[in-house]
Amino acid sequence: TLGLVAFGLGAGLTEGASRAWSIIYLRDSFDVPAFVESLA
């Protein structure tokens, strides 16, 4: 089961990080309207 966790870890952390920070990334990195940021 630890081997399977090692397989799924990258996807899980990527999904969690994207849920929490994707909109913030667009907001902080680019000068675009808020609705474009919200599309992330």
Full PDB file with SEQRES, HELIX, SHEET, SSBOND, CRYST1, ORIGX, SCALE, CONECT and MASTER records, all heavy atoms in Angstrom:
SEQRES   1 A   40  THR LEU GLY LEU VAL ALA PHE GLY LEU GLY ALA GLY LEU          
SEQRES   2 A   40  THR GLU GLY ALA SER ARG ALA TRP SER ILE ILE TYR LEU          
SEQRES   3 A   40  ARG ASP SER PHE ASP VAL PRO ALA PHE VAL GLU SER LEU          
SEQRES   4 A   40  ALA                                                          
HELIX    1 AA1 LEU A    2  SER A   29  1                                  28    
HELIX    2 AA2 ALA A   34  GLU A   37  1                                   4    
CRYST1    1.000    1.000    1.000  90.00  90.00  90.00 P 1           1          
ORIGX1      1.000000  0.000000  0.000000        0.00000                         
ORIGX2      0.000000  1.000000  0.000000        0.00000                         
ORIGX3      0.000000  0.000000  1.000000        0.00000                         
SCALE1      1.000000  0.000000  0.000000        0.00000                         
SCALE2      0.000000  1.000000  0.000000        0.00000                         
SCALE3      0.000000  0.000000  1.000000        0.00000                         
ATOM      1  N   THR A   1       0.828  -1.208   0.000  1.00  0.00           N  
ATOM      2  CA  THR A   1       0.000   0.000   0.000  1.00  0.00           C  
ATOM      3  C   THR A   1       0.867   1.264   0.000  1.00  0.00           C  
ATOM      4  O   THR A   1       0.498   2.265  -0.611  1.00  0.00           O  
ATOM      5  CB  THR A   1      -0.947   0.017   1.216  1.00  0.00           C  
ATOM      6  OG1 THR A   1      -0.184  -0.140   2.418  1.00  0.00           O  
ATOM      7  CG2 THR A   1      -1.970  -1.094   1.124  1.00  0.00           C  
ATOM      8  N   LEU A   2       2.028   1.209   0.659  1.00  0.00           N  
ATOM      9  CA  LEU A   2       2.934   2.361   0.630  1.00  0.00           C  
ATOM     10  C   LEU A   2       3.451   2.613  -0.791  1.00  0.00           C  
ATOM     11  O   LEU A   2       3.632   3.765  -1.205  1.00  0.00           O  
ATOM     12  CB  LEU A   2       4.107   2.140   1.589  1.00  0.00           C  
ATOM     13  CG  LEU A   2       3.763   2.205   3.085  1.00  0.00           C  
ATOM     14  CD1 LEU A   2       4.981   1.816   3.921  1.00  0.00           C  
ATOM     15  CD2 LEU A   2       3.277   3.591   3.470  1.00  0.00           C  
ATOM     16  N   GLY A   3       3.688   1.527  -1.537  1.00  0.00           N  
ATOM     17  CA  GLY A   3       4.112   1.692  -2.926  1.00  0.00           C  
ATOM     18  C   GLY A   3       3.044   2.359  -3.772  1.00  0.00           C  
ATOM     19  O   GLY A   3       3.346   3.201  -4.627  1.00  0.00           O  
ATOM     20  N   LEU A   4       1.783   2.010  -3.514  1.00  0.00           N  
ATOM     21  CA  LEU A   4       0.689   2.641  -4.248  1.00  0.00           C  
ATOM     22  C   LEU A   4       0.528   4.108  -3.858  1.00  0.00           C  
ATOM     23  O   LEU A   4       0.197   4.948  -4.697  1.00  0.00           O  
ATOM     24  CB  LEU A   4      -0.612   1.869  -3.996  1.00  0.00           C  
ATOM     25  CG  LEU A   4      -0.676   0.480  -4.648  1.00  0.00           C  
ATOM     26  CD1 LEU A   4      -1.930  -0.260  -4.204  1.00  0.00           C  
ATOM     27  CD2 LEU A   4      -0.632   0.590  -6.163  1.00  0.00           C  
ATOM     28  N   VAL A   5       0.761   4.420  -2.577  1.00  0.00           N  
ATOM     29  CA  VAL A   5       0.717   5.815  -2.158  1.00  0.00           C  
ATOM     30  C   VAL A   5       1.796   6.617  -2.871  1.00  0.00           C  
ATOM     31  O   VAL A   5       1.565   7.754  -3.314  1.00  0.00           O  
ATOM     32  CB  VAL A   5       0.874   5.933  -0.624  1.00  0.00           C  
ATOM     33  CG1 VAL A   5       1.079   7.390  -0.208  1.00  0.00           C  
ATOM     34  CG2 VAL A   5      -0.350   5.372   0.073  1.00  0.00           C  
ATOM     35  N   ALA A   6       2.990   6.028  -3.014  1.00  0.00           N  
ATOM     36  CA  ALA A   6       4.072   6.706  -3.744  1.00  0.00           C  
ATOM     37  C   ALA A   6       3.658   6.996  -5.179  1.00  0.00           C  
ATOM     38  O   ALA A   6       4.013   8.040  -5.740  1.00  0.00           O  
ATOM     39  CB  ALA A   6       5.335   5.856  -3.714  1.00  0.00           C  
ATOM     40  N   PHE A   7       2.885   6.076  -5.773  1.00  0.00           N  
ATOM     41  CA  PHE A   7       2.377   6.314  -7.130  1.00  0.00           C  
ATOM     42  C   PHE A   7       1.376   7.470  -7.141  1.00  0.00           C  
ATOM     43  O   PHE A   7       1.447   8.371  -7.985  1.00  0.00           O  
ATOM     44  CB  PHE A   7       1.698   5.053  -7.676  1.00  0.00           C  
ATOM     45  CG  PHE A   7       0.765   5.324  -8.817  1.00  0.00           C  
ATOM     46  CD1 PHE A   7       1.268   5.584 -10.078  1.00  0.00           C  
ATOM     47  CD2 PHE A   7      -0.610   5.353  -8.629  1.00  0.00           C  
ATOM     48  CE1 PHE A   7       0.414   5.860 -11.149  1.00  0.00           C  
ATOM     49  CE2 PHE A   7      -1.470   5.620  -9.677  1.00  0.00           C  
ATOM     50  CZ  PHE A   7      -0.950   5.876 -10.944  1.00  0.00           C  
ATOM     51  N   GLY A   8       0.426   7.485  -6.213  1.00  0.00           N  
ATOM     52  CA  GLY A   8      -0.657   8.464  -6.255  1.00  0.00           C  
ATOM     53  C   GLY A   8      -0.332   9.802  -5.636  1.00  0.00           C  
ATOM     54  O   GLY A   8      -1.103  10.760  -5.796  1.00  0.00           O  
ATOM     55  N   LEU A   9       0.819   9.891  -4.956  1.00  0.00           N  
ATOM     56  CA  LEU A   9       1.135  11.094  -4.197  1.00  0.00           C  
ATOM     57  C   LEU A   9       1.219  12.344  -5.065  1.00  0.00           C  
ATOM     58  O   LEU A   9       0.686  13.400  -4.716  1.00  0.00           O  
ATOM     59  CB  LEU A   9       2.455  10.886  -3.448  1.00  0.00           C  
ATOM     60  CG  LEU A   9       2.821  11.940  -2.412  1.00  0.00           C  
ATOM     61  CD1 LEU A   9       1.760  12.036  -1.340  1.00  0.00           C  
ATOM     62  CD2 LEU A   9       4.178  11.612  -1.787  1.00  0.00           C  
ATOM     63  N   GLY A  10       1.894  12.237  -6.198  1.00  0.00           N  
ATOM     64  CA  GLY A  10       2.060  13.402  -7.066  1.00  0.00           C  
ATOM     65  C   GLY A  10       0.733  13.953  -7.534  1.00  0.00           C  
ATOM     66  O   GLY A  10       0.506  15.172  -7.520  1.00  0.00           O  
ATOM     67  N   ALA A  11      -0.177  13.060  -7.917  1.00  0.00           N  
ATOM     68  CA  ALA A  11      -1.491  13.503  -8.380  1.00  0.00           C  
ATOM     69  C   ALA A  11      -2.278  14.150  -7.249  1.00  0.00           C  
ATOM     70  O   ALA A  11      -2.928  15.188  -7.427  1.00  0.00           O  
ATOM     71  CB  ALA A  11      -2.269  12.324  -8.954  1.00  0.00           C  
ATOM     72  N   GLY A  12      -2.234  13.543  -6.059  1.00  0.00           N  
ATOM     73  CA  GLY A  12      -2.985  14.072  -4.932  1.00  0.00           C  
ATOM     74  C   GLY A  12      -2.505  15.448  -4.505  1.00  0.00           C  
ATOM     75  O   GLY A  12      -3.312  16.357  -4.269  1.00  0.00           O  
ATOM     76  N   LEU A  13      -1.186  15.599  -4.401  1.00  0.00           N  
ATOM     77  CA  LEU A  13      -0.643  16.897  -3.998  1.00  0.00           C  
ATOM     78  C   LEU A  13      -0.882  17.950  -5.076  1.00  0.00           C  
ATOM     79  O   LEU A  13      -1.137  19.120  -4.768  1.00  0.00           O  
ATOM     80  CB  LEU A  13       0.853  16.767  -3.711  1.00  0.00           C  
ATOM     81  CG  LEU A  13       1.222  15.948  -2.461  1.00  0.00           C  
ATOM     82  CD1 LEU A  13       2.729  15.839  -2.325  1.00  0.00           C  
ATOM     83  CD2 LEU A  13       0.622  16.566  -1.211  1.00  0.00           C  
ATOM     84  N   THR A  14      -0.808  17.541  -6.337  1.00  0.00           N  
ATOM     85  CA  THR A  14      -1.056  18.483  -7.427  1.00  0.00           C  
ATOM     86  C   THR A  14      -2.502  18.962  -7.415  1.00  0.00           C  
ATOM     87  O   THR A  14      -2.786  20.156  -7.576  1.00  0.00           O  
ATOM     88  CB  THR A  14      -0.727  17.843  -8.777  1.00  0.00           C  
ATOM     89  OG1 THR A  14       0.672  17.507  -8.806  1.00  0.00           O  
ATOM     90  CG2 THR A  14      -1.033  18.782  -9.934  1.00  0.00           C  
ATOM     91  N   GLU A  15      -3.435  18.030  -7.201  1.00  0.00           N  
ATOM     92  CA  GLU A  15      -4.844  18.420  -7.139  1.00  0.00           C  
ATOM     93  C   GLU A  15      -5.098  19.347  -5.951  1.00  0.00           C  
ATOM     94  O   GLU A  15      -5.762  20.383  -6.078  1.00  0.00           O  
ATOM     95  CB  GLU A  15      -5.738  17.188  -7.029  1.00  0.00           C  
ATOM     96  CG  GLU A  15      -7.226  17.536  -6.965  1.00  0.00           C  
ATOM     97  CD  GLU A  15      -8.118  16.322  -6.831  1.00  0.00           C  
ATOM     98  OE1 GLU A  15      -7.611  15.188  -6.885  1.00  0.00           O  
ATOM     99  OE2 GLU A  15      -9.343  16.523  -6.667  1.00  0.00           O  
ATOM    100  N   GLY A  16      -4.560  18.980  -4.767  1.00  0.00           N  
ATOM    101  CA  GLY A  16      -4.767  19.803  -3.587  1.00  0.00           C  
ATOM    102  C   GLY A  16      -4.176  21.193  -3.737  1.00  0.00           C  
ATOM    103  O   GLY A  16      -4.808  22.200  -3.386  1.00  0.00           O  
ATOM    104  N   ALA A  17      -2.953  21.255  -4.285  1.00  0.00           N  
ATOM    105  CA  ALA A  17      -2.309  22.553  -4.480  1.00  0.00           C  
ATOM    106  C   ALA A  17      -3.063  23.392  -5.498  1.00  0.00           C  
ATOM    107  O   ALA A  17      -3.222  24.613  -5.333  1.00  0.00           O  
ATOM    108  CB  ALA A  17      -0.861  22.345  -4.927  1.00  0.00           C  
ATOM    109  N   SER A  18      -3.540  22.757  -6.563  1.00  0.00           N  
ATOM    110  CA  SER A  18      -4.257  23.498  -7.604  1.00  0.00           C  
ATOM    111  C   SER A  18      -5.589  24.022  -7.096  1.00  0.00           C  
ATOM    112  O   SER A  18      -6.004  25.139  -7.428  1.00  0.00           O  
ATOM    113  CB  SER A  18      -4.467  22.604  -8.828  1.00  0.00           C  
ATOM    114  OG  SER A  18      -3.234  22.176  -9.369  1.00  0.00           O  
ATOM    115  N   ARG A  19      -6.290  23.225  -6.279  1.00  0.00           N  
ATOM    116  CA  ARG A  19      -7.557  23.675  -5.706  1.00  0.00           C  
ATOM    117  C   ARG A  19      -7.345  24.925  -4.847  1.00  0.00           C  
ATOM    118  O   ARG A  19      -8.149  25.857  -4.870  1.00  0.00           O  
ATOM    119  CB  ARG A  19      -8.179  22.570  -4.852  1.00  0.00           C  
ATOM    120  CG  ARG A  19      -8.844  21.443  -5.636  1.00  0.00           C  
ATOM    121  CD  ARG A  19      -9.378  20.388  -4.682  1.00  0.00           C  
ATOM    122  NE  ARG A  19      -9.975  19.267  -5.370  1.00  0.00           N  
ATOM    123  CZ  ARG A  19     -11.256  19.184  -5.713  1.00  0.00           C  
ATOM    124  NH1 ARG A  19     -12.063  20.179  -5.418  1.00  0.00           N  
ATOM    125  NH2 ARG A  19     -11.727  18.121  -6.327  1.00  0.00           N  
ATOM    126  N   ALA A  20      -6.263  24.924  -4.072  1.00  0.00           N  
ATOM    127  CA  ALA A  20      -6.048  26.003  -3.110  1.00  0.00           C  
ATOM    128  C   ALA A  20      -5.352  27.218  -3.714  1.00  0.00           C  
ATOM    129  O   ALA A  20      -5.591  28.351  -3.286  1.00  0.00           O  
ATOM    130  CB  ALA A  20      -5.231  25.481  -1.919  1.00  0.00           C  
ATOM    131  N   TRP A  21      -4.480  27.005  -4.732  1.00  0.00           N  
ATOM    132  CA  TRP A  21      -3.570  28.076  -5.132  1.00  0.00           C  
ATOM    133  C   TRP A  21      -3.629  28.467  -6.599  1.00  0.00           C  
ATOM    134  O   TRP A  21      -2.956  29.411  -7.002  1.00  0.00           O  
ATOM    135  CB  TRP A  21      -2.123  27.654  -4.801  1.00  0.00           C  
ATOM    136  CG  TRP A  21      -1.885  27.545  -3.329  1.00  0.00           C  
ATOM    137  CD1 TRP A  21      -1.916  26.401  -2.580  1.00  0.00           C  
ATOM    138  CD2 TRP A  21      -1.603  28.611  -2.419  1.00  0.00           C  
ATOM    139  NE1 TRP A  21      -1.675  26.693  -1.262  1.00  0.00           N  
ATOM    140  CE2 TRP A  21      -1.470  28.042  -1.132  1.00  0.00           C  
ATOM    141  CE3 TRP A  21      -1.441  29.985  -2.574  1.00  0.00           C  
ATOM    142  CZ2 TRP A  21      -1.192  28.807  -0.008  1.00  0.00           C  
ATOM    143  CZ3 TRP A  21      -1.163  30.748  -1.442  1.00  0.00           C  
ATOM    144  CH2 TRP A  21      -1.042  30.166  -0.185  1.00  0.00           C  
ATOM    145  N   SER A  22      -4.411  27.765  -7.421  1.00  0.00           N  
ATOM    146  CA  SER A  22      -4.387  28.062  -8.861  1.00  0.00           C  
ATOM    147  C   SER A  22      -4.873  29.483  -9.151  1.00  0.00           C  
ATOM    148  O   SER A  22      -4.278  30.204  -9.965  1.00  0.00           O  
ATOM    149  CB  SER A  22      -5.231  27.035  -9.629  1.00  0.00           C  
ATOM    150  OG  SER A  22      -6.575  27.038  -9.162  1.00  0.00           O  
ATOM    151  N   ILE A  23      -5.969  29.904  -8.506  1.00  0.00           N  
ATOM    152  CA  ILE A  23      -6.494  31.250  -8.737  1.00  0.00           C  
ATOM    153  C   ILE A  23      -5.506  32.300  -8.226  1.00  0.00           C  
ATOM    154  O   ILE A  23      -5.285  33.337  -8.867  1.00  0.00           O  
ATOM    155  CB  ILE A  23      -7.873  31.406  -8.070  1.00  0.00           C  
ATOM    156  CG1 ILE A  23      -8.884  30.444  -8.727  1.00  0.00           C  
ATOM    157  CG2 ILE A  23      -8.381  32.844  -8.172  1.00  0.00           C  
ATOM    158  CD1 ILE A  23     -10.240  30.415  -8.054  1.00  0.00           C  
ATOM    159  N   ILE A  24      -4.902  32.010  -7.082  1.00  0.00           N  
ATOM    160  CA  ILE A  24      -3.910  32.935  -6.519  1.00  0.00           C  
ATOM    161  C   ILE A  24      -2.704  33.049  -7.445  1.00  0.00           C  
ATOM    162  O   ILE A  24      -2.130  34.132  -7.617  1.00  0.00           O  
ATOM    163  CB  ILE A  24      -3.496  32.468  -5.110  1.00  0.00           C  
ATOM    164  CG1 ILE A  24      -4.697  32.529  -4.178  1.00  0.00           C  
ATOM    165  CG2 ILE A  24      -2.341  33.312  -4.565  1.00  0.00           C  
ATOM    166  CD1 ILE A  24      -4.454  31.938  -2.808  1.00  0.00           C  
ATOM    167  N   TYR A  25      -2.313  31.936  -8.059  1.00  0.00           N  
ATOM    168  CA  TYR A  25      -1.183  31.958  -8.994  1.00  0.00           C  
ATOM    169  C   TYR A  25      -1.460  32.900 -10.165  1.00  0.00           C  
ATOM    170  O   TYR A  25      -0.622  33.730 -10.531  1.00  0.00           O  
ATOM    171  CB  TYR A  25      -0.912  30.535  -9.505  1.00  0.00           C  
ATOM    172  CG  TYR A  25       0.057  30.472 -10.664  1.00  0.00           C  
ATOM    173  CD1 TYR A  25       1.343  30.984 -10.553  1.00  0.00           C  
ATOM    174  CD2 TYR A  25      -0.322  29.888 -11.876  1.00  0.00           C  
ATOM    175  CE1 TYR A  25       2.243  30.922 -11.619  1.00  0.00           C  
ATOM    176  CE2 TYR A  25       0.565  29.823 -12.939  1.00  0.00           C  
ATOM    177  CZ  TYR A  25       1.842  30.348 -12.806  1.00  0.00           C  
ATOM    178  OH  TYR A  25       2.721  30.298 -13.862  1.00  0.00           O  
ATOM    179  N   LEU A  26      -2.652  32.799 -10.746  1.00  0.00           N  
ATOM    180  CA  LEU A  26      -2.987  33.701 -11.856  1.00  0.00           C  
ATOM    181  C   LEU A  26      -3.088  35.137 -11.383  1.00  0.00           C  
ATOM    182  O   LEU A  26      -2.653  36.062 -12.081  1.00  0.00           O  
ATOM    183  CB  LEU A  26      -4.297  33.253 -12.516  1.00  0.00           C  
ATOM    184  CG  LEU A  26      -4.148  32.396 -13.778  1.00  0.00           C  
ATOM    185  CD1 LEU A  26      -3.531  31.049 -13.452  1.00  0.00           C  
ATOM    186  CD2 LEU A  26      -5.491  32.199 -14.462  1.00  0.00           C  
ATOM    187  N   ARG A  27      -3.620  35.333 -10.189  1.00  0.00           N  
ATOM    188  CA  ARG A  27      -3.761  36.695  -9.656  1.00  0.00           C  
ATOM    189  C   ARG A  27      -2.397  37.348  -9.444  1.00  0.00           C  
ATOM    190  O   ARG A  27      -2.189  38.522  -9.771  1.00  0.00           O  
ATOM    191  CB  ARG A  27      -4.525  36.651  -8.338  1.00  0.00           C  
ATOM    192  CG  ARG A  27      -4.796  38.017  -7.723  1.00  0.00           C  
ATOM    193  CD  ARG A  27      -5.176  37.884  -6.260  1.00  0.00           C  
ATOM    194  NE  ARG A  27      -4.044  37.414  -5.455  1.00  0.00           N  
ATOM    195  CZ  ARG A  27      -4.143  37.041  -4.183  1.00  0.00           C  
ATOM    196  NH1 ARG A  27      -5.321  37.055  -3.580  1.00  0.00           N  
ATOM    197  NH2 ARG A  27      -3.071  36.637  -3.518  1.00  0.00           N  
ATOM    198  N   ASP A  28      -1.455  36.594  -8.874  1.00  0.00           N  
ATOM    199  CA  ASP A  28      -0.152  37.161  -8.522  1.00  0.00           C  
ATOM    200  C   ASP A  28       0.818  37.238  -9.697  1.00  0.00           C  
ATOM    201  O   ASP A  28       1.766  38.022  -9.667  1.00  0.00           O  
ATOM    202  CB  ASP A  28       0.497  36.339  -7.410  1.00  0.00           C  
ATOM    203  CG  ASP A  28      -0.238  36.476  -6.077  1.00  0.00           C  
ATOM    204  OD1 ASP A  28      -1.170  37.312  -6.012  1.00  0.00           O  
ATOM    205  OD2 ASP A  28       0.112  35.756  -5.131  1.00  0.00           O  
ATOM    206  N   SER A  29       0.583  36.422 -10.728  1.00  0.00           N  
ATOM    207  CA  SER A  29       1.560  36.323 -11.816  1.00  0.00           C  
ATOM    208  C   SER A  29       1.203  37.147 -13.046  1.00  0.00           C  
ATOM    209  O   SER A  29       2.085  37.500 -13.829  1.00  0.00           O  
ATOM    210  CB  SER A  29       1.736  34.855 -12.220  1.00  0.00           C  
ATOM    211  OG  SER A  29       2.153  34.064 -11.129  1.00  0.00           O  
ATOM    212  N   PHE A  30      -0.094  37.438 -13.229  1.00  0.00           N  
ATOM    213  CA  PHE A  30      -0.518  38.088 -14.471  1.00  0.00           C  
ATOM    214  C   PHE A  30      -1.523  39.203 -14.174  1.00  0.00           C  
ATOM    215  O   PHE A  30      -2.267  39.138 -13.193  1.00  0.00           O  
ATOM    216  CB  PHE A  30      -1.147  37.073 -15.438  1.00  0.00           C  
ATOM    217  CG  PHE A  30      -0.305  35.845 -15.651  1.00  0.00           C  
ATOM    218  CD1 PHE A  30      -0.637  34.642 -15.044  1.00  0.00           C  
ATOM    219  CD2 PHE A  30       0.832  35.897 -16.446  1.00  0.00           C  
ATOM    220  CE1 PHE A  30       0.133  33.510 -15.241  1.00  0.00           C  
ATOM    221  CE2 PHE A  30       1.619  34.774 -16.646  1.00  0.00           C  
ATOM    222  CZ  PHE A  30       1.269  33.579 -16.039  1.00  0.00           C  
ATOM    223  N   ASP A  31      -1.547  40.181 -15.035  1.00  0.00           N  
ATOM    224  CA  ASP A  31      -2.473  41.304 -14.900  1.00  0.00           C  
ATOM    225  C   ASP A  31      -3.691  41.038 -15.791  1.00  0.00           C  
ATOM    226  O   ASP A  31      -3.741  41.442 -16.955  1.00  0.00           O  
ATOM    227  CB  ASP A  31      -1.782  42.611 -15.293  1.00  0.00           C  
ATOM    228  CG  ASP A  31      -2.693  43.827 -15.078  1.00  0.00           C  
ATOM    229  OD1 ASP A  31      -3.687  43.680 -14.349  1.00  0.00           O  
ATOM    230  OD2 ASP A  31      -2.386  44.896 -15.647  1.00  0.00           O  
ATOM    231  N   VAL A  32      -4.653  40.312 -15.237  1.00  0.00           N  
ATOM    232  CA  VAL A  32      -5.858  39.945 -15.992  1.00  0.00           C  
ATOM    233  C   VAL A  32      -7.075  40.212 -15.121  1.00  0.00           C  
ATOM    234  O   VAL A  32      -6.971  40.319 -13.893  1.00  0.00           O  
ATOM    235  CB  VAL A  32      -5.830  38.458 -16.412  1.00  0.00           C  
ATOM    236  CG1 VAL A  32      -4.761  38.216 -17.471  1.00  0.00           C  
ATOM    237  CG2 VAL A  32      -5.613  37.553 -15.206  1.00  0.00           C  
ATOM    238  N   PRO A  33      -8.275  40.310 -15.738  1.00  0.00           N  
ATOM    239  CA  PRO A  33      -9.495  40.520 -14.947  1.00  0.00           C  
ATOM    240  C   PRO A  33      -9.745  39.372 -13.972  1.00  0.00           C  
ATOM    241  O   PRO A  33      -9.285  38.241 -14.174  1.00  0.00           O  
ATOM    242  CB  PRO A  33     -10.595  40.597 -16.000  1.00  0.00           C  
ATOM    243  CG  PRO A  33      -9.893  40.977 -17.265  1.00  0.00           C  
ATOM    244  CD  PRO A  33      -8.540  40.350 -17.183  1.00  0.00           C  
ATOM    245  N   ALA A  34     -10.513  39.655 -12.936  1.00  0.00           N  
ATOM    246  CA  ALA A  34     -10.780  38.662 -11.896  1.00  0.00           C  
ATOM    247  C   ALA A  34     -11.485  37.429 -12.448  1.00  0.00           C  
ATOM    248  O   ALA A  34     -11.239  36.307 -11.996  1.00  0.00           O  
ATOM    249  CB  ALA A  34     -11.620  39.290 -10.778  1.00  0.00           C  
ATOM    250  N   PHE A  35     -12.369  37.619 -13.452  1.00  0.00           N  
ATOM    251  CA  PHE A  35     -13.092  36.451 -13.971  1.00  0.00           C  
ATOM    252  C   PHE A  35     -12.152  35.500 -14.693  1.00  0.00           C  
ATOM    253  O   PHE A  35     -12.366  34.283 -14.705  1.00  0.00           O  
ATOM    254  CB  PHE A  35     -14.243  36.892 -14.886  1.00  0.00           C  
ATOM    255  CG  PHE A  35     -13.846  37.237 -16.301  1.00  0.00           C  
ATOM    256  CD1 PHE A  35     -13.835  36.268 -17.296  1.00  0.00           C  
ATOM    257  CD2 PHE A  35     -13.485  38.532 -16.634  1.00  0.00           C  
ATOM    258  CE1 PHE A  35     -13.476  36.586 -18.595  1.00  0.00           C  
ATOM    259  CE2 PHE A  35     -13.135  38.860 -17.928  1.00  0.00           C  
ATOM    260  CZ  PHE A  35     -13.113  37.885 -18.914  1.00  0.00           C  
ATOM    261  N   VAL A  36     -11.065  36.026 -15.297  1.00  0.00           N  
ATOM    262  CA  VAL A  36     -10.074  35.155 -15.935  1.00  0.00           C  
ATOM    263  C   VAL A  36      -9.313  34.373 -14.872  1.00  0.00           C  
ATOM    264  O   VAL A  36      -9.060  33.168 -15.016  1.00  0.00           O  
ATOM    265  CB  VAL A  36      -9.104  35.982 -16.809  1.00  0.00           C  
ATOM    266  CG1 VAL A  36      -8.009  35.079 -17.400  1.00  0.00           C  
ATOM    267  CG2 VAL A  36      -9.863  36.680 -17.922  1.00  0.00           C  
ATOM    268  N   GLU A  37      -8.955  35.054 -13.777  1.00  0.00           N  
ATOM    269  CA  GLU A  37      -8.297  34.360 -12.669  1.00  0.00           C  
ATOM    270  C   GLU A  37      -9.171  33.219 -12.157  1.00  0.00           C  
ATOM    271  O   GLU A  37      -8.669  32.128 -11.858  1.00  0.00           O  
ATOM    272  CB  GLU A  37      -8.031  35.340 -11.524  1.00  0.00           C  
ATOM    273  CG  GLU A  37      -7.105  36.495 -11.874  1.00  0.00           C  
ATOM    274  CD  GLU A  37      -7.092  37.573 -10.801  1.00  0.00           C  
ATOM    275  OE1 GLU A  37      -7.791  37.411  -9.775  1.00  0.00           O  
ATOM    276  OE2 GLU A  37      -6.385  38.580 -11.003  1.00  0.00           O  
ATOM    277  N   SER A  38     -10.471  33.470 -12.084  1.00  0.00           N  
ATOM    278  CA  SER A  38     -11.390  32.485 -11.511  1.00  0.00           C  
ATOM    279  C   SER A  38     -11.587  31.269 -12.396  1.00  0.00           C  
ATOM    280  O   SER A  38     -12.170  30.270 -11.953  1.00  0.00           O  
ATOM    281  CB  SER A  38     -12.751  33.139 -11.247  1.00  0.00           C  
ATOM    282  OG  SER A  38     -12.624  34.216 -10.344  1.00  0.00           O  
ATOM    283  N   LEU A  39     -11.122  31.319 -13.634  1.00  0.00           N  
ATOM    284  CA  LEU A  39     -11.277  30.179 -14.544  1.00  0.00           C  
ATOM    285  C   LEU A  39     -10.288  29.059 -14.249  1.00  0.00           C  
ATOM    286  O   LEU A  39     -10.446  27.940 -14.759  1.00  0.00           O  
ATOM    287  CB  LEU A  39     -11.100  30.635 -15.994  1.00  0.00           C  
ATOM    288  CG  LEU A  39     -12.191  31.539 -16.576  1.00  0.00           C  
ATOM    289  CD1 LEU A  39     -11.804  31.993 -17.976  1.00  0.00           C  
ATOM    290  CD2 LEU A  39     -13.525  30.812 -16.596  1.00  0.00           C  
ATOM    291  N   ALA A  40      -9.268  29.326 -13.429  1.00  0.00           N  
ATOM    292  CA  ALA A  40      -8.216  28.326 -13.211  1.00  0.00           C  
ATOM    293  C   ALA A  40      -8.765  27.045 -12.594  1.00  0.00           C  
ATOM    294  O   ALA A  40      -8.527  25.943 -13.092  1.00  0.00           O  
ATOM    295  CB  ALA A  40      -7.112  28.923 -12.336  1.00  0.00           C  
TER     296      ALA A  40                                                      
MASTER        0    0    0    2    0    0    0    6  295    1    0    4          
END                                                                             
